Amino acid sequence: MAWVTKDSQETYENNEPVRTYTKAEKAGNWWHYHKWQVVVVIILLVVAAFIIKDTFFRAKPDYQVAYVGLQNLPEDTGTALTEALESFCDDRNGDGQVLVQLNQYAVELESGAETTDAYSQMAGITRLSADLSSSDGSYIFLLEDPETFQEYTGALRYLDGTIPEDGESAKDWENMVYRWTDCPVLTGLDLGTYTGYTLVDDTTGNNQDVLGELYIGCRGTWTDKAAEGYAGDDVIWQKLTEGAVSTAGQD
């Protein structure tokens, strides 16, 4: 039996040729082992792009109007309303366009009321609370149930511009809102029709009929700073309610 030592003259040769991979084969091999990392990076870049666009390049609203009711307005109604309101507004932030933002809050504010979707209810209440606590949130409110809204939030002012005292918020709500139909300017808007009251139906109707069931009021400003900040919004409120005579609370 022969042993191979360091001093042995016996050598071994590998006669197999070294494999040379083409660029395509190298690329395919790299992709095989790294494709999921690439997919994750692409997704993160897309998400980051949307966040940057939404944060830095989204048009800022000049005015904000809120709707509070049990369900959102039809999409066509909301679009027609904001477009009509923009004709009363100006380019307050100087970005070259006039934009009114409609903030919709589909919530049940009545104490003890049961809701079929607790998550949506909580989300709506949270968004509404954030709006009301903001120094530049919605000023004009379209309300399905102004009495409950005022009892829950205490946010509205009187129609003459004064602020309710403690204890007056809920019981005096009739003096804080107009019916939509009380306002000649609002009822005179050409708002057209809607198709689909919700996303899953094809109901059609007149947008004025939808809004005609609502009340309109505006938030109170309890400090001079808040009053100054909403001065431009109050000009719009005065335009929209010009000639109005309140019938709120009357059957």
C-alpha atoms as a PDB file:
ATOM      1  CA  MET A   1       0.000   0.000   0.000  1.00  0.00           C
ATOM      2  CA  ALA A   2       1.452   3.340  -1.044  1.00  0.00           C
ATOM      3  CA  TRP A   3       1.340   6.339   1.252  1.00  0.00           C
ATOM      4  CA  VAL A   4       1.478   9.883   0.014  1.00  0.00           C
ATOM      5  CA  THR A   5       3.689  12.161   2.065  1.00  0.00           C
ATOM      6  CA  LYS A   6       4.877  15.689   1.718  1.00  0.00           C
ATOM      7  CA  ASP A   7       7.989  14.411   0.058  1.00  0.00           C
ATOM      8  CA  SER A   8       6.184  12.261  -2.419  1.00  0.00           C
ATOM      9  CA  GLN A   9       6.711  13.136  -6.075  1.00  0.00           C
ATOM     10  CA  GLU A  10       3.239  11.918  -6.913  1.00  0.00           C
ATOM     11  CA  THR A  11       0.959  14.655  -8.070  1.00  0.00           C
ATOM     12  CA  TYR A  12      -2.746  14.879  -8.780  1.00  0.00           C
ATOM     13  CA  GLU A  13      -4.222  16.815 -11.594  1.00  0.00           C
ATOM     14  CA  ASN A  14      -7.810  18.039 -12.023  1.00  0.00           C
ATOM     15  CA  ASN A  15      -8.479  17.700 -15.668  1.00  0.00           C
ATOM     16  CA  GLU A  16     -12.056  19.117 -15.468  1.00  0.00           C
ATOM     17  CA  PRO A  17     -12.307  22.565 -17.128  1.00  0.00           C
ATOM     18  CA  VAL A  18     -13.334  25.520 -14.922  1.00  0.00           C
ATOM     19  CA  ARG A  19     -16.945  26.531 -15.655  1.00  0.00           C
ATOM     20  CA  THR A  20     -17.316  30.067 -16.954  1.00  0.00           C
ATOM     21  CA  TYR A  21     -20.770  31.552 -16.345  1.00  0.00           C
ATOM     22  CA  THR A  22     -22.353  34.000 -18.720  1.00  0.00           C
ATOM     23  CA  LYS A  23     -23.608  37.366 -17.506  1.00  0.00           C
ATOM     24  CA  ALA A  24     -27.188  36.163 -17.885  1.00  0.00           C
ATOM     25  CA  GLU A  25     -26.478  33.078 -15.766  1.00  0.00           C
ATOM     26  CA  LYS A  26     -24.795  35.197 -13.089  1.00  0.00           C
ATOM     27  CA  ALA A  27     -27.716  37.602 -13.043  1.00  0.00           C
ATOM     28  CA  GLY A  28     -30.211  34.750 -12.846  1.00  0.00           C
ATOM     29  CA  ASN A  29     -28.347  33.167  -9.946  1.00  0.00           C
ATOM     30  CA  TRP A  30     -28.219  36.504  -8.072  1.00  0.00           C
ATOM     31  CA  TRP A  31     -31.931  37.069  -8.662  1.00  0.00           C
ATOM     32  CA  HIS A  32     -32.749  33.591  -7.381  1.00  0.00           C
ATOM     33  CA  TYR A  33     -31.187  34.342  -4.009  1.00  0.00           C
ATOM     34  CA  HIS A  34     -32.111  38.020  -3.693  1.00  0.00           C
ATOM     35  CA  LYS A  35     -35.496  38.466  -5.371  1.00  0.00           C
ATOM     36  CA  TRP A  36     -37.510  38.758  -2.151  1.00  0.00           C
ATOM     37  CA  GLN A  37     -35.159  41.361  -0.745  1.00  0.00           C
ATOM     38  CA  VAL A  38     -35.621  43.371  -3.940  1.00  0.00           C
ATOM     39  CA  VAL A  39     -39.420  43.059  -3.731  1.00  0.00           C
ATOM     40  CA  VAL A  40     -39.404  44.295  -0.114  1.00  0.00           C
ATOM     41  CA  VAL A  41     -37.190  47.266  -1.009  1.00  0.00           C
ATOM     42  CA  ILE A  42     -39.470  48.220  -3.928  1.00  0.00           C
ATOM     43  CA  ILE A  43     -42.560  48.078  -1.682  1.00  0.00           C
ATOM     44  CA  LEU A  44     -40.859  50.256   0.936  1.00  0.00           C
ATOM     45  CA  LEU A  45     -39.832  52.781  -1.729  1.00  0.00           C
ATOM     46  CA  VAL A  46     -43.387  52.961  -3.096  1.00  0.00           C
ATOM     47  CA  VAL A  47     -44.837  53.452   0.404  1.00  0.00           C
ATOM     48  CA  ALA A  48     -42.239  56.129   1.151  1.00  0.00           C
ATOM     49  CA  ALA A  49     -43.051  57.899  -2.119  1.00  0.00           C
ATOM     50  CA  PHE A  50     -46.764  57.989  -1.263  1.00  0.00           C
ATOM     51  CA  ILE A  51     -46.029  59.316   2.231  1.00  0.00           C
ATOM     52  CA  ILE A  52     -43.744  62.037   0.866  1.00  0.00           C
ATOM     53  CA  LYS A  53     -46.270  63.004  -1.801  1.00  0.00           C
ATOM     54  CA  ASP A  54     -49.129  63.085   0.709  1.00  0.00           C
ATOM     55  CA  THR A  55     -47.103  65.082   3.223  1.00  0.00           C
ATOM     56  CA  PHE A  56     -45.310  67.596   1.054  1.00  0.00           C
ATOM     57  CA  PHE A  57     -47.158  67.776  -2.259  1.00  0.00           C
ATOM     58  CA  ARG A  58     -50.843  67.369  -1.353  1.00  0.00           C
ATOM     59  CA  ALA A  59     -52.885  70.491  -1.933  1.00  0.00           C
ATOM     60  CA  LYS A  60     -53.824  72.102   1.376  1.00  0.00           C
ATOM     61  CA  PRO A  61     -57.491  73.060   1.819  1.00  0.00           C
ATOM     62  CA  ASP A  62     -58.335  76.721   2.085  1.00  0.00           C
ATOM     63  CA  TYR A  63     -61.507  75.949   4.051  1.00  0.00           C
ATOM     64  CA  GLN A  64     -62.901  72.913   5.841  1.00  0.00           C
ATOM     65  CA  VAL A  65     -66.550  71.967   6.250  1.00  0.00           C
ATOM     66  CA  ALA A  66     -67.733  69.038   8.368  1.00  0.00           C
ATOM     67  CA  TYR A  67     -70.708  66.723   8.031  1.00  0.00           C
ATOM     68  CA  VAL A  68     -71.865  64.686  11.037  1.00  0.00           C
ATOM     69  CA  GLY A  69     -74.524  62.016  10.576  1.00  0.00           C
ATOM     70  CA  LEU A  70     -75.255  58.316  10.799  1.00  0.00           C
ATOM     71  CA  GLN A  71     -73.822  57.574   7.372  1.00  0.00           C
ATOM     72  CA  ASN A  72     -71.689  59.410   4.861  1.00  0.00           C
ATOM     73  CA  LEU A  73     -73.244  61.555   2.183  1.00  0.00           C
ATOM     74  CA  PRO A  74     -73.367  60.088  -1.320  1.00  0.00           C
ATOM     75  CA  GLU A  75     -70.061  60.666  -3.067  1.00  0.00           C
ATOM     76  CA  ASP A  76     -71.733  62.715  -5.815  1.00  0.00           C
ATOM     77  CA  THR A  77     -73.402  64.908  -3.187  1.00  0.00           C
ATOM     78  CA  GLY A  78     -70.137  65.595  -1.396  1.00  0.00           C
ATOM     79  CA  THR A  79     -68.367  66.462  -4.638  1.00  0.00           C
ATOM     80  CA  ALA A  80     -71.160  68.758  -5.827  1.00  0.00           C
ATOM     81  CA  LEU A  81     -71.291  70.483  -2.439  1.00  0.00           C
ATOM     82  CA  THR A  82     -67.556  71.208  -2.200  1.00  0.00           C
ATOM     83  CA  GLU A  83     -67.419  72.461  -5.783  1.00  0.00           C
ATOM     84  CA  ALA A  84     -70.366  74.786  -5.137  1.00  0.00           C
ATOM     85  CA  LEU A  85     -68.846  76.116  -1.909  1.00  0.00           C
ATOM     86  CA  GLU A  86     -65.548  76.845  -3.631  1.00  0.00           C
ATOM     87  CA  SER A  87     -67.301  79.543  -5.666  1.00  0.00           C
ATOM     88  CA  PHE A  88     -67.753  81.504  -2.404  1.00  0.00           C
ATOM     89  CA  CYS A  89     -64.149  81.089  -1.270  1.00  0.00           C
ATOM     90  CA  ASP A  90     -60.741  82.493  -2.151  1.00  0.00           C
ATOM     91  CA  ASP A  91     -57.220  81.120  -2.387  1.00  0.00           C
ATOM     92  CA  ARG A  92     -56.438  81.757   1.239  1.00  0.00           C
ATOM     93  CA  ASN A  93     -53.158  79.828   1.389  1.00  0.00           C
ATOM     94  CA  GLY A  94     -51.820  81.207  -1.897  1.00  0.00           C
ATOM     95  CA  ASP A  95     -51.106  77.877  -3.598  1.00  0.00           C
ATOM     96  CA  GLY A  96     -52.859  78.884  -6.802  1.00  0.00           C
ATOM     97  CA  GLN A  97     -56.099  76.960  -6.296  1.00  0.00           C
ATOM     98  CA  VAL A  98     -59.247  77.204  -4.203  1.00  0.00           C
ATOM     99  CA  LEU A  99     -59.985  74.025  -2.283  1.00  0.00           C
ATOM    100  CA  VAL A 100     -62.780  73.230   0.160  1.00  0.00           C
ATOM    101  CA  GLN A 101     -62.367  69.997   2.102  1.00  0.00           C
ATOM    102  CA  LEU A 102     -65.435  68.105   3.312  1.00  0.00           C
ATOM    103  CA  ASN A 103     -64.734  66.132   6.490  1.00  0.00           C
ATOM    104  CA  GLN A 104     -67.374  63.451   6.966  1.00  0.00           C
ATOM    105  CA  TYR A 105     -68.002  61.798  10.331  1.00  0.00           C
ATOM    106  CA  ALA A 106     -70.427  58.872  10.240  1.00  0.00           C
ATOM    107  CA  VAL A 107     -71.033  58.450  13.974  1.00  0.00           C
ATOM    108  CA  GLU A 108     -73.790  57.781  16.495  1.00  0.00           C
ATOM    109  CA  LEU A 109     -73.480  60.382  19.259  1.00  0.00           C
ATOM    110  CA  GLU A 110     -76.595  59.519  21.235  1.00  0.00           C
ATOM    111  CA  SER A 111     -75.717  58.176  24.654  1.00  0.00           C
ATOM    112  CA  GLY A 112     -76.300  54.438  25.009  1.00  0.00           C
ATOM    113  CA  ALA A 113     -76.978  53.916  21.309  1.00  0.00           C
ATOM    114  CA  GLU A 114     -75.905  50.590  19.869  1.00  0.00           C
ATOM    115  CA  THR A 115     -73.771  50.490  16.733  1.00  0.00           C
ATOM    116  CA  THR A 116     -73.140  47.576  14.405  1.00  0.00           C
ATOM    117  CA  ASP A 117     -69.548  48.583  13.805  1.00  0.00           C
ATOM    118  CA  ALA A 118     -67.794  49.555  17.009  1.00  0.00           C
ATOM    119  CA  TYR A 119     -64.437  50.037  15.254  1.00  0.00           C
ATOM    120  CA  SER A 120     -65.824  52.530  12.726  1.00  0.00           C
ATOM    121  CA  GLN A 121     -67.696  54.305  15.525  1.00  0.00           C
ATOM    122  CA  MET A 122     -64.523  54.682  17.575  1.00  0.00           C
ATOM    123  CA  ALA A 123     -62.547  55.846  14.541  1.00  0.00           C
ATOM    124  CA  GLY A 124     -65.215  58.415  13.656  1.00  0.00           C
ATOM    125  CA  ILE A 125     -65.408  59.792  17.181  1.00  0.00           C
ATOM    126  CA  THR A 126     -61.616  60.042  17.339  1.00  0.00           C
ATOM    127  CA  ARG A 127     -61.441  61.952  14.043  1.00  0.00           C
ATOM    128  CA  LEU A 128     -64.284  64.272  15.042  1.00  0.00           C
ATOM    129  CA  SER A 129     -62.647  65.005  18.411  1.00  0.00           C
ATOM    130  CA  ALA A 130     -59.355  65.784  16.668  1.00  0.00           C
ATOM    131  CA  ASP A 131     -61.145  68.154  14.286  1.00  0.00           C
ATOM    132  CA  LEU A 132     -62.888  70.000  17.107  1.00  0.00           C
ATOM    133  CA  SER A 133     -59.696  70.332  19.122  1.00  0.00           C
ATOM    134  CA  SER A 134     -57.733  71.645  16.150  1.00  0.00           C
ATOM    135  CA  SER A 135     -57.021  75.352  15.817  1.00  0.00           C
ATOM    136  CA  ASP A 136     -57.599  75.232  12.051  1.00  0.00           C
ATOM    137  CA  GLY A 137     -60.218  72.497  11.646  1.00  0.00           C
ATOM    138  CA  SER A 138     -63.767  72.638  10.331  1.00  0.00           C
ATOM    139  CA  TYR A 139     -65.698  75.829  11.004  1.00  0.00           C
ATOM    140  CA  ILE A 140     -69.049  75.166   9.317  1.00  0.00           C
ATOM    141  CA  PHE A 141     -70.925  72.018  10.349  1.00  0.00           C
ATOM    142  CA  LEU A 142     -73.701  70.202   8.490  1.00  0.00           C
ATOM    143  CA  LEU A 143     -75.603  68.197  11.078  1.00  0.00           C
ATOM    144  CA  GLU A 144     -78.167  65.448  10.988  1.00  0.00           C
ATOM    145  CA  ASP A 145     -78.943  65.786  14.705  1.00  0.00           C
ATOM    146  CA  PRO A 146     -77.802  69.183  16.012  1.00  0.00           C
ATOM    147  CA  GLU A 147     -79.285  68.703  19.491  1.00  0.00           C
ATOM    148  CA  THR A 148     -77.269  65.561  20.172  1.00  0.00           C
ATOM    149  CA  PHE A 149     -74.201  67.031  18.509  1.00  0.00           C
ATOM    150  CA  GLN A 150     -74.318  70.100  20.737  1.00  0.00           C
ATOM    151  CA  GLU A 151     -74.996  68.032  23.833  1.00  0.00           C
ATOM    152  CA  TYR A 152     -72.005  65.816  23.023  1.00  0.00           C
ATOM    153  CA  THR A 153     -69.528  68.496  21.904  1.00  0.00           C
ATOM    154  CA  GLY A 154     -70.721  71.927  23.107  1.00  0.00           C
ATOM    155  CA  ALA A 155     -68.929  73.274  20.036  1.00  0.00           C
ATOM    156  CA  LEU A 156     -71.537  75.521  18.404  1.00  0.00           C
ATOM    157  CA  ARG A 157     -72.108  79.226  18.873  1.00  0.00           C
ATOM    158  CA  TYR A 158     -75.355  81.165  18.698  1.00  0.00           C
ATOM    159  CA  LEU A 159     -76.534  82.491  15.347  1.00  0.00           C
ATOM    160  CA  ASP A 160     -75.918  86.046  16.545  1.00  0.00           C
ATOM    161  CA  GLY A 161     -72.252  85.209  17.097  1.00  0.00           C
ATOM    162  CA  THR A 162     -72.297  84.994  20.885  1.00  0.00           C
ATOM    163  CA  ILE A 163     -70.968  82.022  22.852  1.00  0.00           C
ATOM    164  CA  PRO A 164     -73.309  79.886  25.014  1.00  0.00           C
ATOM    165  CA  GLU A 165     -72.675  79.885  28.720  1.00  0.00           C
ATOM    166  CA  ASP A 166     -72.211  76.699  30.705  1.00  0.00           C
ATOM    167  CA  GLY A 167     -75.424  74.712  30.855  1.00  0.00           C
ATOM    168  CA  GLU A 168     -76.938  76.341  27.777  1.00  0.00           C
ATOM    169  CA  SER A 169     -75.216  74.222  25.149  1.00  0.00           C
ATOM    170  CA  ALA A 170     -77.830  71.522  24.627  1.00  0.00           C
ATOM    171  CA  LYS A 171     -81.082  73.162  25.640  1.00  0.00           C
ATOM    172  CA  ASP A 172     -80.570  76.175  23.374  1.00  0.00           C
ATOM    173  CA  TRP A 173     -79.472  74.351  20.228  1.00  0.00           C
ATOM    174  CA  GLU A 174     -82.381  75.751  18.155  1.00  0.00           C
ATOM    175  CA  ASN A 175     -80.755  79.192  18.365  1.00  0.00           C
ATOM    176  CA  MET A 176     -77.422  77.858  17.076  1.00  0.00           C
ATOM    177  CA  VAL A 177     -78.405  76.367  13.715  1.00  0.00           C
ATOM    178  CA  TYR A 178     -80.429  76.941  10.579  1.00  0.00           C
ATOM    179  CA  ARG A 179     -82.151  74.270   8.631  1.00  0.00           C
ATOM    180  CA  TRP A 180     -80.557  73.902   5.204  1.00  0.00           C
ATOM    181  CA  THR A 181     -83.937  74.888   3.791  1.00  0.00           C
ATOM    182  CA  ASP A 182     -83.895  78.113   5.867  1.00  0.00           C
ATOM    183  CA  CYS A 183     -81.026  79.453   3.760  1.00  0.00           C
ATOM    184  CA  PRO A 184     -81.937  80.926   0.357  1.00  0.00           C
ATOM    185  CA  VAL A 185     -78.313  80.861  -0.784  1.00  0.00           C
ATOM    186  CA  LEU A 186     -77.948  77.153  -0.028  1.00  0.00           C
ATOM    187  CA  THR A 187     -81.260  76.086  -1.516  1.00  0.00           C
ATOM    188  CA  GLY A 188     -80.399  78.093  -4.614  1.00  0.00           C
ATOM    189  CA  LEU A 189     -77.235  76.094  -5.328  1.00  0.00           C
ATOM    190  CA  ASP A 190     -77.355  73.966  -8.474  1.00  0.00           C
ATOM    191  CA  LEU A 191     -76.061  70.679  -7.061  1.00  0.00           C
ATOM    192  CA  GLY A 192     -77.430  68.164  -9.557  1.00  0.00           C
ATOM    193  CA  THR A 193     -78.129  64.537  -8.736  1.00  0.00           C
ATOM    194  CA  TYR A 194     -76.380  61.558  -7.206  1.00  0.00           C
ATOM    195  CA  THR A 195     -76.141  57.905  -8.188  1.00  0.00           C
ATOM    196  CA  GLY A 196     -75.576  55.443  -5.370  1.00  0.00           C
ATOM    197  CA  TYR A 197     -76.303  56.609  -1.846  1.00  0.00           C
ATOM    198  CA  THR A 198     -73.728  54.065  -0.718  1.00  0.00           C
ATOM    199  CA  LEU A 199     -70.997  52.228  -2.610  1.00  0.00           C
ATOM    200  CA  VAL A 200     -73.153  49.116  -2.936  1.00  0.00           C
ATOM    201  CA  ASP A 201     -76.368  50.482  -4.401  1.00  0.00           C
ATOM    202  CA  ASP A 202     -77.504  52.351  -7.476  1.00  0.00           C
ATOM    203  CA  THR A 203     -80.083  54.633  -5.851  1.00  0.00           C
ATOM    204  CA  THR A 204     -80.499  57.963  -7.588  1.00  0.00           C
ATOM    205  CA  GLY A 205     -81.820  61.256  -6.286  1.00  0.00           C
ATOM    206  CA  ASN A 206     -81.455  65.000  -6.028  1.00  0.00           C
ATOM    207  CA  ASN A 207     -78.542  66.333  -3.992  1.00  0.00           C
ATOM    208  CA  GLN A 208     -80.663  69.197  -2.671  1.00  0.00           C
ATOM    209  CA  ASP A 209     -83.088  66.632  -1.245  1.00  0.00           C
ATOM    210  CA  VAL A 210     -80.270  64.944   0.663  1.00  0.00           C
ATOM    211  CA  LEU A 211     -78.896  68.180   2.092  1.00  0.00           C
ATOM    212  CA  GLY A 212     -82.367  69.578   2.720  1.00  0.00           C
ATOM    213  CA  GLU A 213     -82.689  67.187   5.678  1.00  0.00           C
ATOM    214  CA  LEU A 214     -79.693  68.726   7.437  1.00  0.00           C
ATOM    215  CA  TYR A 215     -78.978  71.682   9.713  1.00  0.00           C
ATOM    216  CA  ILE A 216     -76.067  74.094   9.419  1.00  0.00           C
ATOM    217  CA  GLY A 217     -74.162  75.782  12.239  1.00  0.00           C
ATOM    218  CA  CYS A 218     -70.649  77.007  12.971  1.00  0.00           C
ATOM    219  CA  ARG A 219     -68.196  76.455  15.755  1.00  0.00           C
ATOM    220  CA  GLY A 220     -67.784  78.892  18.567  1.00  0.00           C
ATOM    221  CA  THR A 221     -64.489  80.694  19.126  1.00  0.00           C
ATOM    222  CA  TRP A 222     -63.740  81.106  22.810  1.00  0.00           C
ATOM    223  CA  THR A 223     -60.478  83.043  22.462  1.00  0.00           C
ATOM    224  CA  ASP A 224     -59.404  86.099  20.508  1.00  0.00           C
ATOM    225  CA  LYS A 225     -56.751  84.006  18.752  1.00  0.00           C
ATOM    226  CA  ALA A 226     -59.324  81.469  17.580  1.00  0.00           C
ATOM    227  CA  ALA A 227     -61.672  84.244  16.425  1.00  0.00           C
ATOM    228  CA  GLU A 228     -58.867  85.800  14.420  1.00  0.00           C
ATOM    229  CA  GLY A 229     -57.910  82.447  12.901  1.00  0.00           C
ATOM    230  CA  TYR A 230     -61.464  81.736  11.757  1.00  0.00           C
ATOM    231  CA  ALA A 231     -62.262  85.283  10.583  1.00  0.00           C
ATOM    232  CA  GLY A 232     -62.062  84.231   6.931  1.00  0.00           C
ATOM    233  CA  ASP A 233     -64.328  81.249   7.570  1.00  0.00           C
ATOM    234  CA  ASP A 234     -66.880  83.499   9.204  1.00  0.00           C
ATOM    235  CA  VAL A 235     -67.050  85.597   6.034  1.00  0.00           C
ATOM    236  CA  ILE A 236     -68.079  82.449   4.138  1.00  0.00           C
ATOM    237  CA  TRP A 237     -70.619  81.583   6.853  1.00  0.00           C
ATOM    238  CA  GLN A 238     -72.214  85.003   6.503  1.00  0.00           C
ATOM    239  CA  LYS A 239     -72.410  84.618   2.718  1.00  0.00           C
ATOM    240  CA  LEU A 240     -74.024  81.177   2.900  1.00  0.00           C
ATOM    241  CA  THR A 241     -76.604  82.186   5.512  1.00  0.00           C
ATOM    242  CA  GLU A 242     -77.477  85.582   4.065  1.00  0.00           C
ATOM    243  CA  GLY A 243     -81.235  86.127   4.272  1.00  0.00           C
ATOM    244  CA  ALA A 244     -81.785  82.997   6.392  1.00  0.00           C
ATOM    245  CA  VAL A 245     -84.516  82.821   9.027  1.00  0.00           C
ATOM    246  CA  SER A 246     -84.189  79.900  11.423  1.00  0.00           C
ATOM    247  CA  THR A 247     -87.013  77.400  11.780  1.00  0.00           C
ATOM    248  CA  ALA A 248     -84.907  74.942  13.771  1.00  0.00           C
ATOM    249  CA  GLY A 249     -86.906  73.191  16.433  1.00  0.00           C
ATOM    250  CA  GLN A 250     -90.208  73.900  14.713  1.00  0.00           C
ATOM    251  CA  ASP A 251     -92.278  70.986  13.503  1.00  0.00           C
END
